Amino acid sequence: MSKYKAQILHAVNMRGTVSVTELSQILGVSDQTIRRVSQPLVESGELDKVHGALVSNRTASDPPFLARMNQNRSAKVAIARLAAEIVPDGASVAIDTGSTSGFIAQALRTRQKLTVVTNSAFVASTLAIIPGNRVSMAGTQLRDHDGAAFDRSAFDVIERMQVDFVILSASMVDAEKGFLVHEQCEVDMANAMLKNAAQAIMSVDQSKFLPQSHRPALRQPVLRSSDILITDAPPPADFDALLRDLDLRIAGGG
């Protein structure tokens, strides 16, 4: 598979639906090149095509990380676009392993000369092939369900990096307890990333403000007053106290 074919397939499978114009901007090639390279992917059934856009045919039977990326996709795309507007060219960024962070990594492909550190193989592979970027993959042993590393070497790399931004995510938001995740290793990694970052960007779609049957129990680190929260709709009034000191940004429609 050619480089452009692989990049197109990756981008469309992550976002679900991507216009030809947007793909041309992401890859830095013409619309005609996108149409020419993607045609065999459509003919082979690897992608579907609608007017002016390519559509993923991934299903929920995909591995868990990709299945999570298929949930609330349009909201995550909108959040990712706004996050990419906040992070300037030349910035240094630590990025966690959440599915929304995967979308943000894809959106950051439009940025130049980023220095990135992450414990997510998905994020690292997304940004490492962009000319001018410097990407450090933290960790050596990857989990099978999401390609994330939480071994000692991952923390060693993260703890050495001083960055402008850390991009964090959460599984749920509780009005009293804050941003929650399911595993202690995720909390520990978020703490390590936040400690060495000038500013945090917490990215959660509106579904994270709703009750969940499989409720996470572990708190992410408390955000600072200068930190940014990006979501795709105004949070319910019950969360006003929790979010009062944060820089709340509402992303537009996907």
C-alpha atoms as a PDB file:
ATOM      1  CA  MET A   1       0.000   0.000   0.000  1.00  0.00           C
ATOM      2  CA  SER A   2       1.354   3.433  -0.945  1.00  0.00           C
ATOM      3  CA  LYS A   3       2.037   6.095   1.690  1.00  0.00           C
ATOM      4  CA  TYR A   4      -0.952   8.208   0.615  1.00  0.00           C
ATOM      5  CA  LYS A   5      -3.295   5.205   0.547  1.00  0.00           C
ATOM      6  CA  ALA A   6      -2.267   4.252   4.081  1.00  0.00           C
ATOM      7  CA  GLN A   7      -2.658   7.824   5.331  1.00  0.00           C
ATOM      8  CA  ILE A   8      -6.082   8.215   3.714  1.00  0.00           C
ATOM      9  CA  LEU A   9      -7.291   4.906   5.162  1.00  0.00           C
ATOM     10  CA  HIS A  10      -5.969   5.855   8.599  1.00  0.00           C
ATOM     11  CA  ALA A  11      -7.597   9.305   8.566  1.00  0.00           C
ATOM     12  CA  VAL A  12     -10.986   8.098   7.343  1.00  0.00           C
ATOM     13  CA  ASN A  13     -11.150   5.115   9.692  1.00  0.00           C
ATOM     14  CA  MET A  14     -10.378   7.407  12.628  1.00  0.00           C
ATOM     15  CA  ARG A  15     -12.870  10.152  11.807  1.00  0.00           C
ATOM     16  CA  GLY A  16     -15.592   8.095  10.143  1.00  0.00           C
ATOM     17  CA  THR A  17     -16.331  10.602   7.400  1.00  0.00           C
ATOM     18  CA  VAL A  18     -13.796  13.017   5.917  1.00  0.00           C
ATOM     19  CA  SER A  19     -14.305  15.366   2.987  1.00  0.00           C
ATOM     20  CA  VAL A  20     -11.918  15.247   0.056  1.00  0.00           C
ATOM     21  CA  THR A  21     -11.022  18.886   0.707  1.00  0.00           C
ATOM     22  CA  GLU A  22     -10.146  18.192   4.329  1.00  0.00           C
ATOM     23  CA  LEU A  23      -8.031  15.181   3.372  1.00  0.00           C
ATOM     24  CA  SER A  24      -6.129  17.275   0.840  1.00  0.00           C
ATOM     25  CA  GLN A  25      -5.342  19.808   3.589  1.00  0.00           C
ATOM     26  CA  ILE A  26      -4.245  17.120   6.043  1.00  0.00           C
ATOM     27  CA  LEU A  27      -1.966  15.364   3.543  1.00  0.00           C
ATOM     28  CA  GLY A  28      -0.820  18.506   1.728  1.00  0.00           C
ATOM     29  CA  VAL A  29      -1.818  17.252  -1.723  1.00  0.00           C
ATOM     30  CA  SER A  30      -4.443  18.252  -4.290  1.00  0.00           C
ATOM     31  CA  ASP A  31      -8.083  17.165  -4.308  1.00  0.00           C
ATOM     32  CA  GLN A  32      -7.350  15.331  -7.545  1.00  0.00           C
ATOM     33  CA  THR A  33      -4.634  13.283  -5.855  1.00  0.00           C
ATOM     34  CA  ILE A  34      -6.996  12.317  -3.042  1.00  0.00           C
ATOM     35  CA  ARG A  35      -9.637  11.174  -5.558  1.00  0.00           C
ATOM     36  CA  ARG A  36      -7.106   9.234  -7.640  1.00  0.00           C
ATOM     37  CA  VAL A  37      -5.447   7.480  -4.690  1.00  0.00           C
ATOM     38  CA  SER A  38      -8.685   6.718  -2.844  1.00  0.00           C
ATOM     39  CA  GLN A  39     -10.509   5.225  -5.844  1.00  0.00           C
ATOM     40  CA  PRO A  40      -8.874   1.775  -5.480  1.00  0.00           C
ATOM     41  CA  LEU A  41      -9.771   1.798  -1.768  1.00  0.00           C
ATOM     42  CA  VAL A  42     -13.412   2.408  -2.682  1.00  0.00           C
ATOM     43  CA  GLU A  43     -13.364  -0.223  -5.413  1.00  0.00           C
ATOM     44  CA  SER A  44     -11.866  -2.815  -3.041  1.00  0.00           C
ATOM     45  CA  GLY A  45     -14.488  -2.052  -0.368  1.00  0.00           C
ATOM     46  CA  GLU A  46     -11.988  -0.729   2.171  1.00  0.00           C
ATOM     47  CA  LEU A  47     -13.798   2.638   2.153  1.00  0.00           C
ATOM     48  CA  ASP A  48     -17.197   3.895   1.034  1.00  0.00           C
ATOM     49  CA  LYS A  49     -17.787   7.080  -0.928  1.00  0.00           C
ATOM     50  CA  VAL A  50     -20.487   9.742  -0.742  1.00  0.00           C
ATOM     51  CA  HIS A  51     -20.668  13.081  -2.525  1.00  0.00           C
ATOM     52  CA  GLY A  52     -17.436  14.933  -1.782  1.00  0.00           C
ATOM     53  CA  ALA A  53     -16.334  12.667   1.066  1.00  0.00           C
ATOM     54  CA  LEU A  54     -14.960   9.265   2.019  1.00  0.00           C
ATOM     55  CA  VAL A  55     -16.650   7.125   4.678  1.00  0.00           C
ATOM     56  CA  SER A  56     -15.218   4.439   6.948  1.00  0.00           C
ATOM     57  CA  ASN A  57     -16.842   1.034   7.023  1.00  0.00           C
ATOM     58  CA  ARG A  58     -15.312   0.056  10.343  1.00  0.00           C
ATOM     59  CA  THR A  59     -17.723  -1.603  12.787  1.00  0.00           C
ATOM     60  CA  ALA A  60     -17.953  -2.006  16.530  1.00  0.00           C
ATOM     61  CA  SER A  61     -16.305  -5.417  16.186  1.00  0.00           C
ATOM     62  CA  ASP A  62     -12.981  -3.635  15.709  1.00  0.00           C
ATOM     63  CA  PRO A  63     -10.467  -3.657  18.607  1.00  0.00           C
ATOM     64  CA  PRO A  64     -11.696  -1.760  21.723  1.00  0.00           C
ATOM     65  CA  PHE A  65      -9.721   1.436  21.063  1.00  0.00           C
ATOM     66  CA  LEU A  66     -11.083   1.786  17.529  1.00  0.00           C
ATOM     67  CA  ALA A  67     -14.574   0.927  18.768  1.00  0.00           C
ATOM     68  CA  ARG A  68     -14.330   3.771  21.295  1.00  0.00           C
ATOM     69  CA  MET A  69     -13.205   6.113  18.545  1.00  0.00           C
ATOM     70  CA  ASN A  70     -16.394   5.275  16.676  1.00  0.00           C
ATOM     71  CA  GLN A  71     -18.489   6.513  19.614  1.00  0.00           C
ATOM     72  CA  ASN A  72     -19.610  10.169  19.476  1.00  0.00           C
ATOM     73  CA  ARG A  73     -17.309  10.611  16.520  1.00  0.00           C
ATOM     74  CA  SER A  74     -18.624  13.965  15.274  1.00  0.00           C
ATOM     75  CA  ALA A  75     -18.274  15.480  18.753  1.00  0.00           C
ATOM     76  CA  LYS A  76     -14.706  14.251  19.068  1.00  0.00           C
ATOM     77  CA  VAL A  77     -13.816  15.610  15.636  1.00  0.00           C
ATOM     78  CA  ALA A  78     -15.169  19.042  16.603  1.00  0.00           C
ATOM     79  CA  ILE A  79     -13.229  18.975  19.878  1.00  0.00           C
ATOM     80  CA  ALA A  80     -10.080  17.937  18.026  1.00  0.00           C
ATOM     81  CA  ARG A  81     -10.359  20.790  15.557  1.00  0.00           C
ATOM     82  CA  LEU A  82     -10.647  23.333  18.366  1.00  0.00           C
ATOM     83  CA  ALA A  83      -7.713  21.808  20.248  1.00  0.00           C
ATOM     84  CA  ALA A  84      -5.578  22.071  17.111  1.00  0.00           C
ATOM     85  CA  GLU A  85      -6.447  25.773  16.891  1.00  0.00           C
ATOM     86  CA  ILE A  86      -5.134  26.295  20.424  1.00  0.00           C
ATOM     87  CA  VAL A  87      -1.807  24.502  19.938  1.00  0.00           C
ATOM     88  CA  PRO A  88       0.485  26.639  17.746  1.00  0.00           C
ATOM     89  CA  ASP A  89       3.207  25.558  15.351  1.00  0.00           C
ATOM     90  CA  GLY A  90       6.425  24.726  17.175  1.00  0.00           C
ATOM     91  CA  ALA A  91       4.719  23.855  20.469  1.00  0.00           C
ATOM     92  CA  SER A  92       5.687  20.972  22.743  1.00  0.00           C
ATOM     93  CA  VAL A  93       2.817  18.669  23.729  1.00  0.00           C
ATOM     94  CA  ALA A  94       2.259  15.654  25.969  1.00  0.00           C
ATOM     95  CA  ILE A  95      -0.741  13.568  24.883  1.00  0.00           C
ATOM     96  CA  ASP A  96      -2.517  10.808  26.796  1.00  0.00           C
ATOM     97  CA  THR A  97      -4.104   7.631  25.440  1.00  0.00           C
ATOM     98  CA  GLY A  98      -7.815   8.539  25.308  1.00  0.00           C
ATOM     99  CA  SER A  99      -9.851   8.088  22.143  1.00  0.00           C
ATOM    100  CA  THR A 100     -10.540  11.837  21.961  1.00  0.00           C
ATOM    101  CA  SER A 101      -6.800  12.401  22.224  1.00  0.00           C
ATOM    102  CA  GLY A 102      -6.446  10.166  19.167  1.00  0.00           C
ATOM    103  CA  PHE A 103      -8.675  12.536  17.216  1.00  0.00           C
ATOM    104  CA  ILE A 104      -6.683  15.510  18.491  1.00  0.00           C
ATOM    105  CA  ALA A 105      -3.473  13.873  17.309  1.00  0.00           C
ATOM    106  CA  GLN A 106      -4.998  13.543  13.842  1.00  0.00           C
ATOM    107  CA  ALA A 107      -6.043  17.212  13.863  1.00  0.00           C
ATOM    108  CA  LEU A 108      -2.539  18.231  14.958  1.00  0.00           C
ATOM    109  CA  ARG A 109      -1.175  16.830  11.698  1.00  0.00           C
ATOM    110  CA  THR A 110      -1.943  20.273  10.259  1.00  0.00           C
ATOM    111  CA  ARG A 111       0.568  21.834  12.681  1.00  0.00           C
ATOM    112  CA  GLN A 112       4.292  22.124  11.965  1.00  0.00           C
ATOM    113  CA  LYS A 113       7.431  21.369  13.982  1.00  0.00           C
ATOM    114  CA  LEU A 114       5.709  19.949  17.043  1.00  0.00           C
ATOM    115  CA  THR A 115       7.622  18.245  19.841  1.00  0.00           C
ATOM    116  CA  VAL A 116       5.389  15.445  21.109  1.00  0.00           C
ATOM    117  CA  VAL A 117       5.682  12.956  23.936  1.00  0.00           C
ATOM    118  CA  THR A 118       3.024  10.290  24.409  1.00  0.00           C
ATOM    119  CA  ASN A 119       2.505   6.822  25.837  1.00  0.00           C
ATOM    120  CA  SER A 120       0.050   5.995  23.036  1.00  0.00           C
ATOM    121  CA  ALA A 121       1.366   4.079  20.032  1.00  0.00           C
ATOM    122  CA  PHE A 122      -1.613   5.364  18.042  1.00  0.00           C
ATOM    123  CA  VAL A 123      -0.799   9.004  18.802  1.00  0.00           C
ATOM    124  CA  ALA A 124       2.921   8.490  18.220  1.00  0.00           C
ATOM    125  CA  SER A 125       2.435   6.844  14.823  1.00  0.00           C
ATOM    126  CA  THR A 126      -0.070   9.517  13.770  1.00  0.00           C
ATOM    127  CA  LEU A 127       2.315  12.418  14.386  1.00  0.00           C
ATOM    128  CA  ALA A 128       5.758  10.844  13.883  1.00  0.00           C
ATOM    129  CA  ILE A 129       5.467  10.706  10.078  1.00  0.00           C
ATOM    130  CA  ILE A 130       4.869  14.456   9.733  1.00  0.00           C
ATOM    131  CA  PRO A 131       8.076  16.114   8.466  1.00  0.00           C
ATOM    132  CA  GLY A 132       9.575  18.436  11.063  1.00  0.00           C
ATOM    133  CA  ASN A 133       7.906  16.833  14.083  1.00  0.00           C
ATOM    134  CA  ARG A 134       9.920  15.317  16.922  1.00  0.00           C
ATOM    135  CA  VAL A 135       7.978  12.519  18.592  1.00  0.00           C
ATOM    136  CA  SER A 136       9.016  10.514  21.657  1.00  0.00           C
ATOM    137  CA  MET A 137       7.170   7.278  22.370  1.00  0.00           C
ATOM    138  CA  ALA A 138       7.156   6.738  26.134  1.00  0.00           C
ATOM    139  CA  GLY A 139       7.308   3.086  27.122  1.00  0.00           C
ATOM    140  CA  THR A 140       8.305  -0.280  25.725  1.00  0.00           C
ATOM    141  CA  GLN A 141       5.467  -2.660  26.630  1.00  0.00           C
ATOM    142  CA  LEU A 142       2.136  -1.859  24.965  1.00  0.00           C
ATOM    143  CA  ARG A 143      -1.311  -2.970  26.139  1.00  0.00           C
ATOM    144  CA  ASP A 144      -3.103  -5.153  23.620  1.00  0.00           C
ATOM    145  CA  HIS A 145      -6.455  -3.319  23.683  1.00  0.00           C
ATOM    146  CA  ASP A 146      -5.258   0.240  23.028  1.00  0.00           C
ATOM    147  CA  GLY A 147      -1.515   0.239  22.317  1.00  0.00           C
ATOM    148  CA  ALA A 148      -0.781   2.286  25.453  1.00  0.00           C
ATOM    149  CA  ALA A 149       2.313   1.985  27.643  1.00  0.00           C
ATOM    150  CA  PHE A 150       2.360   2.373  31.413  1.00  0.00           C
ATOM    151  CA  ASP A 151       5.614   0.625  32.324  1.00  0.00           C
ATOM    152  CA  ARG A 152       8.418   2.275  34.291  1.00  0.00           C
ATOM    153  CA  SER A 153      10.214   3.408  31.155  1.00  0.00           C
ATOM    154  CA  ALA A 154       7.063   5.268  30.041  1.00  0.00           C
ATOM    155  CA  PHE A 155       7.072   7.307  33.242  1.00  0.00           C
ATOM    156  CA  ASP A 156      10.824   7.904  32.951  1.00  0.00           C
ATOM    157  CA  VAL A 157      10.366   9.534  29.536  1.00  0.00           C
ATOM    158  CA  ILE A 158       7.322  11.588  30.571  1.00  0.00           C
ATOM    159  CA  GLU A 159       8.978  12.851  33.748  1.00  0.00           C
ATOM    160  CA  ARG A 160      11.975  14.182  31.789  1.00  0.00           C
ATOM    161  CA  MET A 161       9.891  16.248  29.348  1.00  0.00           C
ATOM    162  CA  GLN A 162       8.896  19.866  29.969  1.00  0.00           C
ATOM    163  CA  VAL A 163       6.046  20.806  27.607  1.00  0.00           C
ATOM    164  CA  ASP A 164       3.834  23.754  26.722  1.00  0.00           C
ATOM    165  CA  PHE A 165       0.610  21.733  26.745  1.00  0.00           C
ATOM    166  CA  VAL A 166      -0.677  18.433  28.063  1.00  0.00           C
ATOM    167  CA  ILE A 167      -3.753  16.971  26.389  1.00  0.00           C
ATOM    168  CA  LEU A 168      -5.805  14.864  28.783  1.00  0.00           C
ATOM    169  CA  SER A 169      -9.097  12.982  28.614  1.00  0.00           C
ATOM    170  CA  ALA A 170     -11.534  11.341  31.010  1.00  0.00           C
ATOM    171  CA  SER A 171     -14.082   8.530  30.964  1.00  0.00           C
ATOM    172  CA  MET A 172     -16.698  10.509  32.894  1.00  0.00           C
ATOM    173  CA  VAL A 173     -17.187  13.841  34.674  1.00  0.00           C
ATOM    174  CA  ASP A 174     -18.812  13.948  38.111  1.00  0.00           C
ATOM    175  CA  ALA A 175     -20.129  17.254  39.431  1.00  0.00           C
ATOM    176  CA  GLU A 176     -18.504  16.695  42.826  1.00  0.00           C
ATOM    177  CA  LYS A 177     -15.562  14.363  42.205  1.00  0.00           C
ATOM    178  CA  GLY A 178     -14.350  15.843  38.940  1.00  0.00           C
ATOM    179  CA  PHE A 179     -12.830  14.037  35.957  1.00  0.00           C
ATOM    180  CA  LEU A 180     -12.827  10.261  36.378  1.00  0.00           C
ATOM    181  CA  VAL A 181     -11.067   7.303  34.756  1.00  0.00           C
ATOM    182  CA  HIS A 182     -11.133   3.541  35.276  1.00  0.00           C
ATOM    183  CA  GLU A 183      -7.487   2.683  35.994  1.00  0.00           C
ATOM    184  CA  GLN A 184      -4.916   3.958  38.507  1.00  0.00           C
ATOM    185  CA  CYS A 185      -2.154   3.855  35.891  1.00  0.00           C
ATOM    186  CA  GLU A 186      -4.082   6.463  33.880  1.00  0.00           C
ATOM    187  CA  VAL A 187      -4.260   8.748  36.926  1.00  0.00           C
ATOM    188  CA  ASP A 188      -0.551   8.305  37.599  1.00  0.00           C
ATOM    189  CA  MET A 189       0.324   9.101  33.989  1.00  0.00           C
ATOM    190  CA  ALA A 190      -1.919  12.185  33.953  1.00  0.00           C
ATOM    191  CA  ASN A 191      -0.223  13.418  37.122  1.00  0.00           C
ATOM    192  CA  ALA A 192       3.223  12.945  35.593  1.00  0.00           C
ATOM    193  CA  MET A 193       2.229  14.758  32.401  1.00  0.00           C
ATOM    194  CA  LEU A 194       0.466  17.617  34.178  1.00  0.00           C
ATOM    195  CA  LYS A 195       3.379  18.201  36.554  1.00  0.00           C
ATOM    196  CA  ASN A 196       5.698  19.165  33.688  1.00  0.00           C
ATOM    197  CA  ALA A 197       3.191  21.078  31.505  1.00  0.00           C
ATOM    198  CA  ALA A 198       2.606  24.823  31.420  1.00  0.00           C
ATOM    199  CA  GLN A 199      -1.075  24.358  30.547  1.00  0.00           C
ATOM    200  CA  ALA A 200      -3.552  21.482  30.340  1.00  0.00           C
ATOM    201  CA  ILE A 201      -6.258  20.903  27.748  1.00  0.00           C
ATOM    202  CA  MET A 202      -8.912  18.505  29.060  1.00  0.00           C
ATOM    203  CA  SER A 203     -11.049  17.171  26.224  1.00  0.00           C
ATOM    204  CA  VAL A 204     -14.370  15.437  26.938  1.00  0.00           C
ATOM    205  CA  ASP A 205     -17.490  15.193  24.790  1.00  0.00           C
ATOM    206  CA  GLN A 206     -20.919  15.954  26.242  1.00  0.00           C
ATOM    207  CA  SER A 207     -21.733  12.271  26.852  1.00  0.00           C
ATOM    208  CA  LYS A 208     -19.101  12.226  29.616  1.00  0.00           C
ATOM    209  CA  PHE A 209     -21.307  14.501  31.726  1.00  0.00           C
ATOM    210  CA  LEU A 210     -24.085  11.882  31.821  1.00  0.00           C
ATOM    211  CA  PRO A 211     -24.475   8.992  34.318  1.00  0.00           C
ATOM    212  CA  GLN A 212     -22.892   5.694  33.242  1.00  0.00           C
ATOM    213  CA  SER A 213     -23.711   2.113  34.150  1.00  0.00           C
ATOM    214  CA  HIS A 214     -20.002   1.194  34.340  1.00  0.00           C
ATOM    215  CA  ARG A 215     -18.970   4.155  36.438  1.00  0.00           C
ATOM    216  CA  PRO A 216     -15.236   4.933  36.738  1.00  0.00           C
ATOM    217  CA  ALA A 217     -14.036   5.445  40.301  1.00  0.00           C
ATOM    218  CA  LEU A 218     -10.628   7.114  40.053  1.00  0.00           C
ATOM    219  CA  ARG A 219     -10.054  10.864  39.958  1.00  0.00           C
ATOM    220  CA  GLN A 220      -7.846  12.569  37.432  1.00  0.00           C
ATOM    221  CA  PRO A 221      -5.580  15.292  38.893  1.00  0.00           C
ATOM    222  CA  VAL A 222      -7.252  18.602  39.728  1.00  0.00           C
ATOM    223  CA  LEU A 223      -6.893  21.123  36.915  1.00  0.00           C
ATOM    224  CA  ARG A 224      -5.551  24.630  37.477  1.00  0.00           C
ATOM    225  CA  SER A 225      -7.363  27.901  36.882  1.00  0.00           C
ATOM    226  CA  SER A 226      -5.390  28.559  33.686  1.00  0.00           C
ATOM    227  CA  ASP A 227      -6.266  25.164  32.204  1.00  0.00           C
ATOM    228  CA  ILE A 228      -8.671  24.672  29.312  1.00  0.00           C
ATOM    229  CA  LEU A 229     -11.708  22.393  29.080  1.00  0.00           C
ATOM    230  CA  ILE A 230     -12.971  21.609  25.579  1.00  0.00           C
ATOM    231  CA  THR A 231     -16.352  19.969  25.078  1.00  0.00           C
ATOM    232  CA  ASP A 232     -18.965  20.059  22.341  1.00  0.00           C
ATOM    233  CA  ALA A 233     -21.968  21.467  24.248  1.00  0.00           C
ATOM    234  CA  PRO A 234     -22.474  23.589  27.372  1.00  0.00           C
ATOM    235  CA  PRO A 235     -22.279  21.302  30.440  1.00  0.00           C
ATOM    236  CA  PRO A 236     -25.360  21.019  32.687  1.00  0.00           C
ATOM    237  CA  ALA A 237     -25.732  23.650  35.420  1.00  0.00           C
ATOM    238  CA  ASP A 238     -24.871  21.031  38.063  1.00  0.00           C
ATOM    239  CA  PHE A 239     -21.250  21.269  36.896  1.00  0.00           C
ATOM    240  CA  ASP A 240     -20.910  25.056  37.267  1.00  0.00           C
ATOM    241  CA  ALA A 241     -19.012  24.861  40.554  1.00  0.00           C
ATOM    242  CA  LEU A 242     -16.597  22.222  39.273  1.00  0.00           C
ATOM    243  CA  LEU A 243     -15.814  24.131  36.078  1.00  0.00           C
ATOM    244  CA  ARG A 244     -15.975  27.670  37.458  1.00  0.00           C
ATOM    245  CA  ASP A 245     -12.225  28.351  37.381  1.00  0.00           C
ATOM    246  CA  LEU A 246     -11.493  26.624  34.059  1.00  0.00           C
ATOM    247  CA  ASP A 247     -11.281  28.202  30.616  1.00  0.00           C
ATOM    248  CA  LEU A 248     -14.336  26.515  29.049  1.00  0.00           C
ATOM    249  CA  ARG A 249     -14.332  26.271  25.240  1.00  0.00           C
ATOM    250  CA  ILE A 250     -17.307  24.886  23.300  1.00  0.00           C
ATOM    251  CA  ALA A 251     -16.464  23.225  19.987  1.00  0.00           C
ATOM    252  CA  GLY A 252     -18.755  23.683  17.018  1.00  0.00           C
ATOM    253  CA  GLY A 253     -20.629  20.966  15.148  1.00  0.00           C
ATOM    254  CA  GLY A 254     -18.558  18.146  13.635  1.00  0.00           C
END
